[in-house]
Amino acid sequence: MLHLRAVAPPELTQAALTVLRDDPGTTHLVLLAGAALDPAGDLIEADVAREAVDGVVAALCELGLDRTGGITLELIDTALSDAADQAEARAPGDPADAVVWQELLVRTGEESRLNVTFLAFLAIACLLAAVGVITDSPVTIVGAMVVGPEFGPLAAVSVALVLRRWDLARRGLTALAVGFPLAMAITAVGTWLGHLAGLFDAAKLFVGGHQVDFVYDVGWFSLIVAVLAGAAGMLSLTSAKSAALVGVFISVTTVPAAGYASVALIFGEWARCAESVGQLAVNLAGIVLAGAAVLLLRRQSWRRTDNGRPLSRG
């Protein structure tokens, strides 16, 4: 279940309470009249079954609470209550299958922002990938995959395509368009400095037969893996099963391809560099398209349950 807290102007309080009372998936309803100070109003709290949250939030947004007051959601780890059990039983569907669209918009919006933290993680991931290429270490390549933060912007683009939120698409594409070239440039400089310091023998890097050659080897399986990973990642985001995201990170060769391209660029291996960039493009496109396809299917299923309402402007 999720805990919902809403600040409502006094003139909207009864309408908001009606929305919550009428929904079968809502329980533990509390009203603290005049408790909210900024913005001023009444504080309303309730526990809502996950499969009912989207409809409840959309209805509250239709009342304008997202503009005149505020709505927040928190995940409840443990609820010891017969009333909570009954609310979950009354709510249609299964909690794992429920999509909280407003939560998805907020989450992908936050994770797709271009900021110093995102750039730092991406640069570190690409540097790790370069070390994996130089040392022929698949374990280090896997580490780079896990550290890479690129799934956030990719998921944001998928969500934007389905919900036609072009502001979110611009944010995600900007993070990718700025982040990858910058991280690859930093990796190229690091590779060049390592070569000057004599840390590795460049002549042995591109002779073939290495364990990490899969990074630049573009083929149908590259696209297949990217599509499957994108689908699994979006399912994880929309069903609150975040543990599956680790497997998604490990299965795609986005960051490793960027790192390999940087190393190849420094040593003039133009074919390998181009193949790595191609691998990167195939993986990025496959993840976005698969994520969008999963969202389309889930959105149609959500509409067929007849308990969804139009998304607010957000």
Protein backbone atom coordinates (compact mmCIF):
# COMPACT_ATOMS: atom_id res chain seq x y z
CA MET A 1 0.00 0.00 0.00
CA LEU A 2 0.93 3.66 -0.27
CA HIS A 3 0.34 6.43 2.24
CA LEU A 4 -1.29 9.47 0.68
CA ARG A 5 -1.07 12.90 2.24
CA ALA A 6 -2.94 15.84 0.71
CA VAL A 7 -3.21 19.50 1.62
CA ALA A 8 -6.58 20.87 0.54
CA PRO A 9 -8.05 24.37 0.67
CA PRO A 10 -11.13 24.30 2.98
CA GLU A 11 -13.49 24.74 0.03
CA LEU A 12 -12.15 21.53 -1.60
CA THR A 13 -11.84 19.38 1.51
CA GLN A 14 -15.26 17.72 1.32
CA ALA A 15 -14.84 16.94 -2.38
CA ALA A 16 -11.44 15.36 -1.68
CA LEU A 17 -12.88 13.33 1.21
CA THR A 18 -15.65 12.12 -1.07
CA VAL A 19 -13.10 10.89 -3.61
CA LEU A 20 -11.27 8.95 -0.91
CA ARG A 21 -14.39 7.56 0.77
CA ASP A 22 -15.85 6.39 -2.53
CA ASP A 23 -12.77 4.45 -3.58
CA PRO A 24 -12.86 0.84 -2.32
CA GLY A 25 -9.08 0.66 -2.11
CA THR A 26 -8.78 3.47 0.44
CA THR A 27 -8.68 3.12 4.22
CA HIS A 28 -7.30 4.77 7.40
CA LEU A 29 -8.78 8.12 6.34
CA VAL A 30 -7.75 11.03 8.60
CA LEU A 31 -8.73 14.71 8.52
CA LEU A 32 -6.82 17.38 10.44
CA ALA A 33 -8.79 20.57 9.85
CA GLY A 34 -6.62 23.66 9.52
CA ALA A 35 -3.40 21.74 10.25
CA ALA A 36 -1.58 22.79 7.09
CA LEU A 37 0.26 26.11 7.27
CA ASP A 38 2.07 26.45 3.91
CA PRO A 39 0.04 26.22 1.79
CA ALA A 40 -2.72 26.86 4.27
CA GLY A 41 -5.56 24.36 4.40
CA ASP A 42 -6.72 21.03 5.79
CA LEU A 43 -4.47 17.99 6.01
CA ILE A 44 -5.95 14.76 4.68
CA GLU A 45 -4.22 11.40 5.06
CA ALA A 46 -5.17 7.93 3.86
CA ASP A 47 -3.65 4.57 3.03
CA VAL A 48 -4.42 3.44 -0.52
CA ALA A 49 -3.95 0.07 -2.20
CA ARG A 50 -1.38 0.38 -4.96
CA GLU A 51 -3.82 -0.71 -7.66
CA ALA A 52 -6.19 2.12 -6.62
CA VAL A 53 -3.60 4.89 -6.25
CA ASP A 54 -3.57 6.06 -9.86
CA GLY A 55 -7.31 6.64 -10.00
CA VAL A 56 -7.37 8.38 -6.61
CA VAL A 57 -4.48 10.71 -7.44
CA ALA A 58 -5.93 11.55 -10.85
CA ALA A 59 -9.28 12.42 -9.25
CA LEU A 60 -7.60 14.65 -6.65
CA CYS A 61 -5.65 16.36 -9.42
CA GLU A 62 -8.90 16.98 -11.29
CA LEU A 63 -10.06 18.87 -8.20
CA GLY A 64 -6.92 21.01 -8.51
CA LEU A 65 -5.19 19.86 -5.31
CA ASP A 66 -1.88 19.58 -7.15
CA ARG A 67 -2.09 23.33 -7.86
CA THR A 68 -3.88 24.79 -4.83
CA GLY A 69 -2.52 22.43 -2.21
CA GLY A 70 -0.30 19.38 -2.55
CA ILE A 71 -0.29 15.60 -2.86
CA THR A 72 2.48 13.31 -1.65
CA LEU A 73 2.85 9.54 -1.71
CA GLU A 74 4.99 7.27 0.45
CA LEU A 75 5.47 3.51 0.22
CA ILE A 76 4.26 1.58 3.26
CA ASP A 77 6.59 -1.31 4.04
CA THR A 78 4.36 -2.94 6.66
CA ALA A 79 0.66 -2.46 7.40
CA LEU A 80 -0.82 -4.50 10.25
CA SER A 81 -4.50 -3.82 9.81
CA ASP A 82 -7.61 -5.76 8.86
CA ALA A 83 -8.93 -2.59 7.24
CA ALA A 84 -5.82 -2.38 5.05
CA ASP A 85 -6.18 -6.04 4.08
CA GLN A 86 -9.81 -5.48 3.14
CA ALA A 87 -8.95 -2.38 1.09
CA GLU A 88 -6.36 -4.33 -0.89
CA ALA A 89 -8.85 -7.14 -1.43
CA ARG A 90 -11.53 -4.70 -2.65
CA ALA A 91 -9.23 -2.85 -5.05
CA PRO A 92 -9.35 -4.30 -8.59
CA GLY A 93 -6.33 -6.13 -9.95
CA ASP A 94 -3.05 -7.15 -8.37
CA PRO A 95 -0.63 -4.69 -6.70
CA ALA A 96 2.31 -5.96 -8.77
CA ASP A 97 0.43 -5.21 -12.01
CA ALA A 98 -0.69 -1.72 -11.02
CA VAL A 99 0.91 1.30 -12.69
CA VAL A 100 1.00 4.55 -10.73
CA TRP A 101 1.45 6.89 -13.68
CA GLN A 102 2.04 10.05 -11.71
CA GLU A 103 4.71 8.27 -9.66
CA LEU A 104 6.32 7.04 -12.89
CA LEU A 105 6.37 10.57 -14.32
CA VAL A 106 7.99 12.00 -11.21
CA ARG A 107 10.51 9.20 -10.87
CA THR A 108 11.69 9.24 -14.46
CA GLY A 109 11.72 13.03 -14.42
CA GLU A 110 14.06 13.08 -11.44
CA GLU A 111 16.35 10.36 -12.77
CA SER A 112 16.72 12.01 -16.19
CA ARG A 113 18.04 15.36 -14.99
CA LEU A 114 21.40 16.48 -16.32
CA ASN A 115 23.42 17.28 -13.22
CA VAL A 116 26.90 16.83 -11.80
CA THR A 117 26.00 13.54 -10.09
CA PHE A 118 24.69 12.00 -13.32
CA LEU A 119 27.77 13.13 -15.26
CA ALA A 120 30.12 11.88 -12.54
CA PHE A 121 28.55 8.40 -12.45
CA LEU A 122 28.57 8.15 -16.25
CA ALA A 123 32.20 9.27 -16.49
CA ILE A 124 33.28 6.81 -13.78
CA ALA A 125 31.36 4.02 -15.50
CA CYS A 126 33.04 4.76 -18.85
CA LEU A 127 36.46 4.88 -17.18
CA LEU A 128 35.76 1.50 -15.57
CA ALA A 129 34.76 0.16 -18.96
CA ALA A 130 38.01 1.43 -20.45
CA VAL A 131 39.98 -0.31 -17.71
CA GLY A 132 38.04 -3.49 -18.47
CA VAL A 133 38.92 -3.20 -22.15
CA ILE A 134 42.59 -2.53 -21.45
CA THR A 135 42.94 -5.36 -18.91
CA ASP A 136 40.59 -7.73 -20.81
CA SER A 137 38.48 -8.06 -17.68
CA PRO A 138 34.78 -8.97 -18.16
CA VAL A 139 34.27 -8.51 -14.40
CA THR A 140 35.31 -4.87 -14.65
CA ILE A 141 33.04 -4.45 -17.67
CA VAL A 142 30.13 -5.77 -15.59
CA GLY A 143 31.05 -3.30 -12.86
CA ALA A 144 30.89 -0.48 -15.38
CA MET A 145 27.44 -1.66 -16.49
CA VAL A 146 26.13 -1.53 -12.92
CA VAL A 147 27.57 1.92 -12.18
CA GLY A 148 26.18 3.49 -15.38
CA PRO A 149 23.15 5.77 -14.69
CA GLU A 150 21.89 5.90 -18.28
CA PHE A 151 18.71 3.88 -17.78
CA GLY A 152 17.00 6.82 -16.07
CA PRO A 153 17.07 9.12 -19.14
CA LEU A 154 16.26 6.20 -21.44
CA ALA A 155 13.19 5.33 -19.35
CA ALA A 156 12.19 9.01 -19.38
CA VAL A 157 12.27 9.06 -23.19
CA SER A 158 10.10 5.91 -23.30
CA VAL A 159 7.58 7.44 -20.92
CA ALA A 160 7.60 10.69 -22.91
CA LEU A 161 6.86 8.88 -26.17
CA VAL A 162 3.84 7.09 -24.70
CA LEU A 163 2.41 9.99 -22.68
CA ARG A 164 3.49 12.67 -25.18
CA ARG A 165 5.39 14.55 -22.54
CA TRP A 166 7.89 16.28 -24.80
CA ASP A 167 9.40 18.25 -21.92
CA LEU A 168 10.40 14.93 -20.37
CA ALA A 169 11.75 13.71 -23.72
CA ARG A 170 13.92 16.83 -24.05
CA ARG A 171 15.25 16.35 -20.55
CA GLY A 172 16.18 12.71 -21.13
CA LEU A 173 17.68 13.28 -24.58
CA THR A 174 19.70 16.24 -23.28
CA ALA A 175 21.15 14.13 -20.48
CA LEU A 176 22.18 11.44 -22.98
CA ALA A 177 23.41 13.86 -25.67
CA VAL A 178 25.59 15.76 -23.21
CA GLY A 179 26.49 12.97 -20.81
CA PHE A 180 27.86 10.34 -23.19
CA PRO A 181 30.12 12.63 -25.28
CA LEU A 182 31.49 14.25 -22.12
CA ALA A 183 32.08 10.90 -20.39
CA MET A 184 33.73 9.52 -23.54
CA ALA A 185 35.98 12.59 -23.79
CA ILE A 186 37.06 12.18 -20.16
CA THR A 187 37.70 8.48 -20.81
CA ALA A 188 39.74 9.27 -23.91
CA VAL A 189 41.90 11.71 -21.93
CA GLY A 190 42.35 9.12 -19.18
CA THR A 191 43.36 6.50 -21.73
CA TRP A 192 45.86 8.89 -23.32
CA LEU A 193 47.41 9.73 -19.94
CA GLY A 194 47.62 6.04 -19.04
CA HIS A 195 49.38 5.34 -22.32
CA LEU A 196 51.87 8.15 -21.71
CA ALA A 197 52.55 6.75 -18.25
CA GLY A 198 53.27 3.31 -19.74
CA LEU A 199 50.51 1.55 -17.83
CA PHE A 200 49.66 -0.79 -20.71
CA ASP A 201 50.88 -2.04 -24.05
CA ALA A 202 48.71 -0.51 -26.78
CA ALA A 203 49.96 -3.02 -29.36
CA LYS A 204 48.12 -5.85 -27.59
CA LEU A 205 44.75 -4.15 -27.25
CA PHE A 206 43.30 -4.74 -30.71
CA VAL A 207 44.84 -8.01 -31.86
CA GLY A 208 41.57 -9.95 -31.35
CA GLY A 209 40.72 -12.96 -29.25
CA HIS A 210 39.94 -10.96 -26.12
CA GLN A 211 37.14 -11.83 -23.70
CA VAL A 212 35.68 -8.32 -24.01
CA ASP A 213 35.40 -8.30 -27.80
CA PHE A 214 31.63 -8.70 -27.45
CA VAL A 215 31.49 -5.01 -26.53
CA TYR A 216 31.99 -3.82 -30.10
CA ASP A 217 30.58 -6.88 -31.91
CA VAL A 218 27.25 -5.53 -33.22
CA GLY A 219 24.68 -8.09 -34.34
CA TRP A 220 21.09 -9.15 -34.05
CA PHE A 221 21.68 -10.41 -30.54
CA SER A 222 22.79 -6.93 -29.52
CA LEU A 223 19.35 -5.63 -30.45
CA ILE A 224 17.56 -8.64 -28.94
CA VAL A 225 19.34 -8.21 -25.60
CA ALA A 226 18.68 -4.47 -25.60
CA VAL A 227 14.96 -5.01 -26.30
CA LEU A 228 14.63 -7.63 -23.58
CA ALA A 229 16.55 -5.47 -21.12
CA GLY A 230 14.42 -2.42 -21.93
CA ALA A 231 11.23 -4.41 -21.45
CA ALA A 232 12.44 -5.85 -18.14
CA GLY A 233 13.57 -2.43 -16.95
CA MET A 234 10.23 -0.78 -17.68
CA LEU A 235 8.35 -3.65 -16.06
CA SER A 236 10.55 -3.17 -13.01
CA LEU A 237 9.82 0.56 -12.85
CA THR A 238 6.07 0.21 -13.28
CA SER A 239 5.62 -2.73 -10.90
CA ALA A 240 7.88 -1.50 -8.09
CA LYS A 241 10.16 -4.52 -8.47
CA SER A 242 13.38 -2.53 -8.53
CA ALA A 243 15.62 -5.53 -7.86
CA ALA A 244 15.24 -6.53 -11.52
CA LEU A 245 16.96 -3.30 -12.59
CA VAL A 246 20.35 -4.67 -11.58
CA GLY A 247 19.95 -7.45 -14.14
CA VAL A 248 18.98 -4.86 -16.75
CA PHE A 249 22.13 -2.85 -16.09
CA ILE A 250 24.34 -5.92 -16.42
CA SER A 251 22.76 -7.14 -19.65
CA VAL A 252 23.24 -4.11 -21.91
CA THR A 253 26.44 -2.81 -23.47
CA THR A 254 25.84 0.92 -23.48
CA VAL A 255 28.56 2.18 -21.15
CA PRO A 256 31.06 -0.56 -22.17
CA ALA A 257 30.60 0.39 -25.82
CA ALA A 258 31.20 4.06 -25.00
CA GLY A 259 34.35 3.15 -23.07
CA TYR A 260 35.64 0.90 -25.85
CA ALA A 261 34.99 3.64 -28.44
CA SER A 262 37.05 6.09 -26.38
CA VAL A 263 40.00 3.70 -26.12
CA ALA A 264 39.85 2.85 -29.83
CA LEU A 265 39.68 6.53 -30.74
CA ILE A 266 42.91 7.35 -28.93
CA PHE A 267 44.83 4.69 -30.85
CA GLY A 268 43.31 5.41 -34.25
CA GLU A 269 41.34 2.15 -34.45
CA TRP A 270 38.57 3.79 -36.45
CA ALA A 271 36.75 0.56 -37.37
CA ARG A 272 36.56 -0.59 -33.76
CA CYS A 273 35.53 2.89 -32.67
CA ALA A 274 32.72 2.98 -35.26
CA GLU A 275 31.54 -0.51 -34.32
CA SER A 276 31.46 0.46 -30.64
CA VAL A 277 29.47 3.60 -31.37
CA GLY A 278 27.10 1.46 -33.43
CA GLN A 279 26.74 -0.93 -30.52
CA LEU A 280 25.95 2.00 -28.25
CA ALA A 281 23.30 3.34 -30.67
CA VAL A 282 21.65 -0.08 -31.10
CA ASN A 283 21.42 -0.59 -27.34
CA LEU A 284 20.06 2.89 -26.65
CA ALA A 285 17.41 2.59 -29.38
CA GLY A 286 16.43 -0.95 -28.37
CA ILE A 287 15.94 0.00 -24.72
CA VAL A 288 13.82 3.06 -25.54
CA LEU A 289 11.58 1.26 -28.05
CA ALA A 290 11.07 -1.76 -25.81
CA GLY A 291 10.28 0.45 -22.82
CA ALA A 292 7.73 2.40 -24.84
CA ALA A 293 6.13 -0.83 -26.12
CA VAL A 294 5.76 -2.17 -22.57
CA LEU A 295 4.19 1.08 -21.43
CA LEU A 296 1.72 1.04 -24.33
CA LEU A 297 0.63 -2.48 -23.45
CA ARG A 298 0.33 -1.63 -19.76
CA ARG A 299 -1.60 1.55 -20.53
CA GLN A 300 -4.13 -0.34 -22.65
CA SER A 301 -4.55 -2.93 -19.91
CA TRP A 302 -4.96 -0.15 -17.33
CA ARG A 303 -7.69 1.49 -19.41
CA ARG A 304 -9.55 -1.80 -19.83
CA THR A 305 -9.85 -2.17 -16.04
CA ASP A 306 -12.13 0.89 -16.14
CA ASN A 307 -10.58 2.34 -12.97
CA GLY A 308 -8.17 4.76 -14.61
CA ARG A 309 -8.71 8.44 -15.16
CA PRO A 310 -6.90 10.85 -17.45
CA LEU A 311 -3.47 11.92 -16.25
CA SER A 312 -3.21 15.43 -14.94
CA ARG A 313 -0.96 17.93 -16.64
CA GLY A 314 1.74 17.17 -13.97
